[in-house]
Amino acid sequence: MEIKDKRETLEIEDAVVASSSFSDCNMANSKFNEVNLSSSRFEETNLSSSSLRSVNLSSATMVDVNMSGSVLRDANLSNLRIQGSLITGMTIDGVKVTDLIAAYMAQNKQKELRPANAPGHSAGDAA
């Protein structure tokens, strides 16, 4: 089925529309409930001010994503990796992540500077 150059409100329920493609569409204010979007691809998609609740994003890859001002609450972040990202103002439970990283770096620098025979230095401390 092809829908092109139409202005319609669709109600799709208990249907299989796997492998569908949506391009250059305005789907603002749409609702998705108990929808399987696994292995889907979102590119140049505006999800600003969206609400995601009880959503499974495990093993998702996000590249060039703007999450500024977003809030993650009651989230499972185990094994989450953040690489090459802007973290200015980012907090975890109210603590600035930049402060956490600075403290970690300072602690590791002190360990590197501590002589091997210094009190509190053990073989397990060596990097």
Protein backbone atom coordinates (compact mmCIF):
# COMPACT_ATOMS: atom_id res chain seq x y z
CA MET A 1 0.00 0.00 0.00
CA GLU A 2 1.35 3.43 -0.88
CA ILE A 3 0.19 6.69 0.67
CA LYS A 4 1.65 9.72 -1.05
CA ASP A 5 0.84 13.45 -0.88
CA LYS A 6 -2.02 12.83 1.57
CA ARG A 7 -3.03 14.52 4.80
CA GLU A 8 -4.61 11.74 6.80
CA THR A 9 -4.79 10.53 10.37
CA LEU A 10 -4.08 6.83 10.44
CA GLU A 11 -5.20 4.41 13.12
CA ILE A 12 -3.31 1.17 12.78
CA GLU A 13 -4.07 -1.52 15.34
CA ASP A 14 -3.16 -5.18 15.67
CA ALA A 15 -1.38 -5.07 12.32
CA VAL A 16 1.94 -6.14 10.86
CA VAL A 17 3.57 -3.38 8.85
CA ALA A 18 7.15 -4.64 9.20
CA SER A 19 9.77 -3.29 6.79
CA SER A 20 7.66 -0.19 6.12
CA SER A 21 9.38 3.02 5.09
CA PHE A 22 8.49 6.57 6.12
CA SER A 23 10.26 9.43 4.39
CA ASP A 24 9.72 13.19 4.59
CA CYS A 25 6.62 12.74 6.78
CA ASN A 26 5.14 14.85 9.54
CA MET A 27 4.21 12.39 12.28
CA ALA A 28 4.18 14.95 15.11
CA ASN A 29 2.03 14.04 18.12
CA SER A 30 1.85 10.40 17.03
CA LYS A 31 1.46 7.73 19.69
CA PHE A 32 3.19 4.36 19.66
CA ASN A 33 2.03 1.85 22.28
CA GLU A 34 3.23 -1.76 22.44
CA VAL A 35 4.94 -1.30 19.06
CA ASN A 36 7.93 -3.37 17.94
CA LEU A 37 10.44 -1.03 16.29
CA SER A 38 13.45 -3.30 16.89
CA SER A 39 16.24 -3.01 14.31
CA SER A 40 14.61 0.15 12.93
CA ARG A 41 16.71 3.02 11.66
CA PHE A 42 16.00 6.67 12.44
CA GLU A 43 18.03 9.22 10.46
CA GLU A 44 17.57 12.99 10.46
CA THR A 45 14.54 12.48 12.69
CA ASN A 46 13.16 15.07 15.10
CA LEU A 47 12.19 13.44 18.39
CA SER A 48 12.51 16.65 20.44
CA SER A 49 10.11 16.97 23.37
CA SER A 50 9.14 13.31 22.94
CA SER A 51 8.31 11.16 25.93
CA LEU A 52 9.76 7.65 26.11
CA ARG A 53 8.47 5.43 28.91
CA SER A 54 9.27 1.75 29.42
CA VAL A 55 11.30 1.74 26.20
CA ASN A 56 13.93 -0.88 25.40
CA LEU A 57 17.00 0.73 23.80
CA SER A 58 19.39 -2.09 24.71
CA SER A 59 22.25 -2.48 22.22
CA ALA A 60 21.11 0.68 20.41
CA THR A 61 23.74 2.79 18.69
CA MET A 62 23.31 6.55 18.70
CA VAL A 63 25.62 8.77 16.62
CA ASP A 64 25.40 12.56 16.28
CA VAL A 65 22.49 12.70 18.73
CA ASN A 66 21.39 15.91 20.48
CA MET A 67 20.24 14.98 23.98
CA SER A 68 20.84 18.42 25.53
CA GLY A 69 18.32 19.14 28.26
CA SER A 70 17.09 15.53 28.31
CA VAL A 71 16.38 13.68 31.55
CA LEU A 72 16.97 9.97 32.14
CA ARG A 73 15.10 8.75 35.21
CA ASP A 74 14.94 5.19 36.55
CA ALA A 75 17.14 4.11 33.61
CA ASN A 76 19.25 0.99 33.31
CA LEU A 77 22.61 2.35 32.13
CA SER A 78 24.65 -0.79 32.83
CA ASN A 79 27.43 -1.22 30.27
CA LEU A 80 26.52 2.10 28.61
CA ARG A 81 29.49 3.63 26.79
CA ILE A 82 29.76 7.33 26.02
CA GLN A 83 32.56 8.18 23.61
CA GLY A 84 33.67 11.46 22.06
CA SER A 85 30.65 13.33 23.37
CA LEU A 86 30.07 16.82 24.75
CA ILE A 87 29.31 16.42 28.48
CA THR A 88 29.33 20.05 29.62
CA GLY A 89 26.75 20.44 32.40
CA MET A 90 25.92 16.72 32.45
CA THR A 91 25.13 15.42 35.94
CA ILE A 92 24.55 12.05 37.55
CA ASP A 93 22.41 12.30 40.68
CA GLY A 94 23.27 16.00 40.85
CA VAL A 95 27.06 15.54 40.55
CA LYS A 96 28.76 17.08 37.52
CA VAL A 97 30.33 14.38 35.37
CA THR A 98 33.25 16.69 34.55
CA ASP A 99 34.01 16.88 38.30
CA LEU A 100 33.86 13.08 38.57
CA ILE A 101 36.27 12.67 35.67
CA ALA A 102 38.65 15.31 37.10
CA ALA A 103 38.67 13.52 40.47
CA TYR A 104 39.31 10.18 38.77
CA MET A 105 42.18 11.61 36.73
CA ALA A 106 43.72 13.28 39.82
CA GLN A 107 43.48 10.04 41.81
CA ASN A 108 45.15 8.05 39.03
CA LYS A 109 47.88 10.68 38.65
CA GLN A 110 48.62 10.44 42.40
CA LYS A 111 48.89 6.65 42.10
CA GLU A 112 51.38 7.04 39.25
CA LEU A 113 53.50 9.46 41.30
CA ARG A 114 53.53 7.33 44.47
CA PRO A 115 56.79 5.35 44.93
CA ALA A 116 56.40 1.58 44.84
CA ASN A 117 57.51 1.27 48.48
CA ALA A 118 55.21 4.05 49.79
CA PRO A 119 52.67 3.20 52.50
CA GLY A 120 49.34 2.24 51.02
CA HIS A 121 50.92 1.16 47.72
CA SER A 122 50.42 -2.47 46.85
CA ALA A 123 51.17 -4.57 43.80
CA GLY A 124 47.47 -4.34 42.92
CA ASP A 125 47.79 -0.52 42.61
CA ALA A 126 50.29 -0.70 39.77
CA ALA A 127 48.94 0.28 36.39
